[in-house]
């Protein structure tokens, strides 16, 4: 099987399980991806943080700084 086939199986499995049960594994996997993928993941996750959350502003500032720093380093 190819990596693409594995990815499809994983996507189907993720759709069926409670991701909270895999929080540690997901966090560890996010540490292994490239910096660009980490930034994309941060932006995707930030879009899911409720705007009314007390942490929204702080997290927005951190993600914006991470993205800006990455663009400077290119």
Protein backbone atom coordinates (compact mmCIF):
# COMPACT_ATOMS: atom_id res chain seq x y z
CA UNK A 1 0.00 0.00 0.00
CA UNK A 2 1.12 3.54 -0.67
CA UNK A 3 1.36 6.39 1.83
CA UNK A 4 -1.65 7.98 0.13
CA UNK A 5 -3.66 4.81 0.73
CA UNK A 6 -2.55 4.81 4.36
CA UNK A 7 -3.63 8.46 4.66
CA UNK A 8 -7.12 7.63 3.41
CA UNK A 9 -7.45 4.79 5.92
CA UNK A 10 -6.28 7.09 8.70
CA UNK A 11 -8.77 9.77 7.66
CA UNK A 12 -11.58 7.22 7.71
CA UNK A 13 -10.48 6.05 11.16
CA UNK A 14 -10.21 9.61 12.55
CA UNK A 15 -13.80 10.21 11.43
CA UNK A 16 -14.94 7.28 13.58
CA UNK A 17 -13.16 7.90 16.88
CA UNK A 18 -13.16 10.45 19.65
CA UNK A 19 -9.96 12.41 19.02
CA UNK A 20 -9.69 13.38 22.68
CA UNK A 21 -8.61 9.81 23.32
CA UNK A 22 -5.61 10.40 21.04
CA UNK A 23 -4.60 13.88 22.19
CA UNK A 24 -1.10 12.83 23.30
CA UNK A 25 -0.42 10.99 20.03
CA UNK A 26 -1.70 13.92 17.95
CA UNK A 27 0.51 16.34 19.86
CA UNK A 28 3.55 14.11 19.41
CA UNK A 29 2.86 13.77 15.68
CA UNK A 30 2.57 17.54 15.36
CA UNK A 31 6.09 17.84 16.78
CA UNK A 32 7.43 15.67 13.96
CA UNK A 33 6.01 17.55 10.97
CA UNK A 34 7.83 20.34 9.15
CA UNK A 35 7.75 23.90 10.44
CA UNK A 36 5.45 24.94 7.56
CA UNK A 37 3.01 22.17 8.45
CA UNK A 38 3.12 23.23 12.11
CA UNK A 39 2.25 26.79 11.12
CA UNK A 40 -0.63 25.57 8.97
CA UNK A 41 -1.86 23.39 11.82
CA UNK A 42 -1.68 26.37 14.21
CA UNK A 43 -3.74 28.50 11.82
CA UNK A 44 -6.28 25.70 11.32
CA UNK A 45 -6.62 25.11 15.05
CA UNK A 46 -6.90 28.85 15.77
CA UNK A 47 -9.91 29.03 13.44
CA UNK A 48 -11.61 26.49 15.72
CA UNK A 49 -10.94 28.35 18.97
CA UNK A 50 -14.17 30.11 19.97
CA UNK A 51 -13.81 33.87 19.50
CA UNK A 52 -15.27 34.41 22.97
CA UNK A 53 -12.63 32.20 24.57
CA UNK A 54 -10.51 34.14 27.07
CA UNK A 55 -7.41 32.69 25.35
CA UNK A 56 -8.39 33.67 21.80
CA UNK A 57 -6.53 36.99 21.74
CA UNK A 58 -3.38 35.55 23.29
CA UNK A 59 -3.35 32.58 20.93
CA UNK A 60 -4.01 34.80 17.91
CA UNK A 61 -1.03 36.97 18.83
CA UNK A 62 1.22 33.92 19.29
CA UNK A 63 0.23 32.38 15.96
CA UNK A 64 0.64 35.70 14.14
CA UNK A 65 4.12 36.11 15.66
CA UNK A 66 5.10 32.55 14.68
CA UNK A 67 3.95 33.14 11.09
CA UNK A 68 5.73 36.52 10.89
CA UNK A 69 8.95 35.08 12.32
CA UNK A 70 8.82 32.25 9.80
CA UNK A 71 8.41 34.69 6.90
CA UNK A 72 11.42 36.72 8.11
CA UNK A 73 13.55 33.57 8.19
CA UNK A 74 12.81 32.63 4.58
